[in-house]
Amino acid sequence: PPSSLLLSGLRLLYAEDNKSSQRQMQAMLRRMGAECTVVDNGKQAILLLEQAPDAFDCILMDCNMPMIDGYSATRAIRALESEREG
């Protein structure tokens, strides 16, 4: 399929503190058909997922970010998922 359709309809959350990387990745993902929401750090990703746990199909997470790094944010998000699943 054409590259513009590879991610058609996919809802992505992208956590990245570097503004240049945010712009580049968001543009690329949108060209491939994805809906992309960008946050600046792991804490924002966690807060967004607490408010809307089913809003995204996939999360792309930078490892080294301020406030809460990608590793800690991923652990917290997994814990949220476990709590929801009961």
Protein backbone atom coordinates (compact mmCIF):
# COMPACT_ATOMS: atom_id res chain seq x y z
CA PRO A 1 0.00 0.00 0.00
CA PRO A 2 1.11 3.60 -0.46
CA SER A 3 3.07 4.90 2.52
CA SER A 4 0.42 7.57 3.08
CA LEU A 5 -2.04 4.84 4.13
CA LEU A 6 0.12 2.60 6.30
CA LEU A 7 -1.12 4.03 9.59
CA SER A 8 -4.55 5.18 8.46
CA GLY A 9 -6.89 5.69 11.39
CA LEU A 10 -4.30 4.78 14.04
CA ARG A 11 -4.49 7.03 17.11
CA LEU A 12 -1.00 7.65 18.51
CA LEU A 13 0.26 9.37 21.62
CA TYR A 14 3.81 10.66 21.21
CA ALA A 15 5.73 11.70 24.35
CA GLU A 16 8.86 13.68 23.46
CA ASP A 17 10.46 16.74 25.03
CA ASN A 18 12.46 17.87 21.97
CA LYS A 19 10.35 20.30 19.91
CA SER A 20 12.21 19.58 16.67
CA SER A 21 11.70 15.84 17.07
CA GLN A 22 8.04 16.45 17.90
CA ARG A 23 7.48 18.39 14.66
CA GLN A 24 9.34 15.91 12.49
CA MET A 25 7.69 12.80 13.92
CA GLN A 26 4.23 14.34 13.96
CA ALA A 27 4.55 15.37 10.30
CA MET A 28 5.79 11.91 9.28
CA LEU A 29 3.07 10.08 11.21
CA ARG A 30 0.34 12.30 9.79
CA ARG A 31 1.64 11.76 6.24
CA MET A 32 1.25 8.05 6.92
CA GLY A 33 -2.37 8.56 7.97
CA ALA A 34 -2.10 8.47 11.77
CA GLU A 35 -3.77 10.83 14.20
CA CYS A 36 -0.97 12.04 16.47
CA THR A 37 -1.23 13.74 19.86
CA VAL A 38 2.03 15.10 21.25
CA VAL A 39 2.94 15.69 24.91
CA ASP A 40 6.19 17.08 26.31
CA ASN A 41 6.95 14.53 29.01
CA GLY A 42 5.93 11.32 30.72
CA LYS A 43 3.86 13.06 33.37
CA GLN A 44 1.64 14.64 30.71
CA ALA A 45 1.26 11.25 29.02
CA ILE A 46 0.15 9.64 32.29
CA LEU A 47 -2.34 12.44 33.05
CA LEU A 48 -3.81 12.24 29.55
CA LEU A 49 -4.22 8.47 29.78
CA GLU A 50 -5.82 8.74 33.22
CA GLN A 51 -8.43 11.05 31.69
CA ALA A 52 -8.93 9.13 28.44
CA PRO A 53 -7.61 5.57 28.82
CA ASP A 54 -9.01 4.33 25.51
CA ALA A 55 -8.13 7.37 23.39
CA PHE A 56 -5.00 5.86 21.82
CA ASP A 57 -4.06 2.71 19.96
CA CYS A 58 -0.33 3.09 20.52
CA ILE A 59 2.11 5.16 22.58
CA LEU A 60 5.53 6.25 21.36
CA MET A 61 7.67 7.27 24.32
CA ASP A 62 11.07 8.96 24.50
CA CYS A 63 13.22 7.43 27.24
CA ASN A 64 14.97 10.58 28.49
CA MET A 65 12.50 13.33 29.36
CA PRO A 66 12.10 15.83 32.20
CA MET A 67 9.65 15.37 35.09
CA ILE A 68 9.00 11.66 34.45
CA ASP A 69 11.20 9.71 32.04
CA GLY A 70 9.84 7.24 29.52
CA TYR A 71 10.70 4.18 31.58
CA SER A 72 8.89 5.42 34.69
CA ALA A 73 5.95 6.68 32.63
CA THR A 74 5.61 3.30 30.93
CA ARG A 75 5.56 1.52 34.31
CA ALA A 76 2.87 3.93 35.56
CA ILE A 77 0.79 3.47 32.41
CA ARG A 78 1.01 -0.32 32.71
CA ALA A 79 -0.13 -0.03 36.33
CA LEU A 80 -3.13 2.04 35.21
CA GLU A 81 -4.00 -0.63 32.65
CA SER A 82 -3.76 -3.35 35.31
CA GLU A 83 -6.04 -1.41 37.64
CA ARG A 84 -8.63 -0.94 34.90
CA GLU A 85 -8.59 -4.62 33.99
CA GLY A 86 -9.13 -5.47 37.63
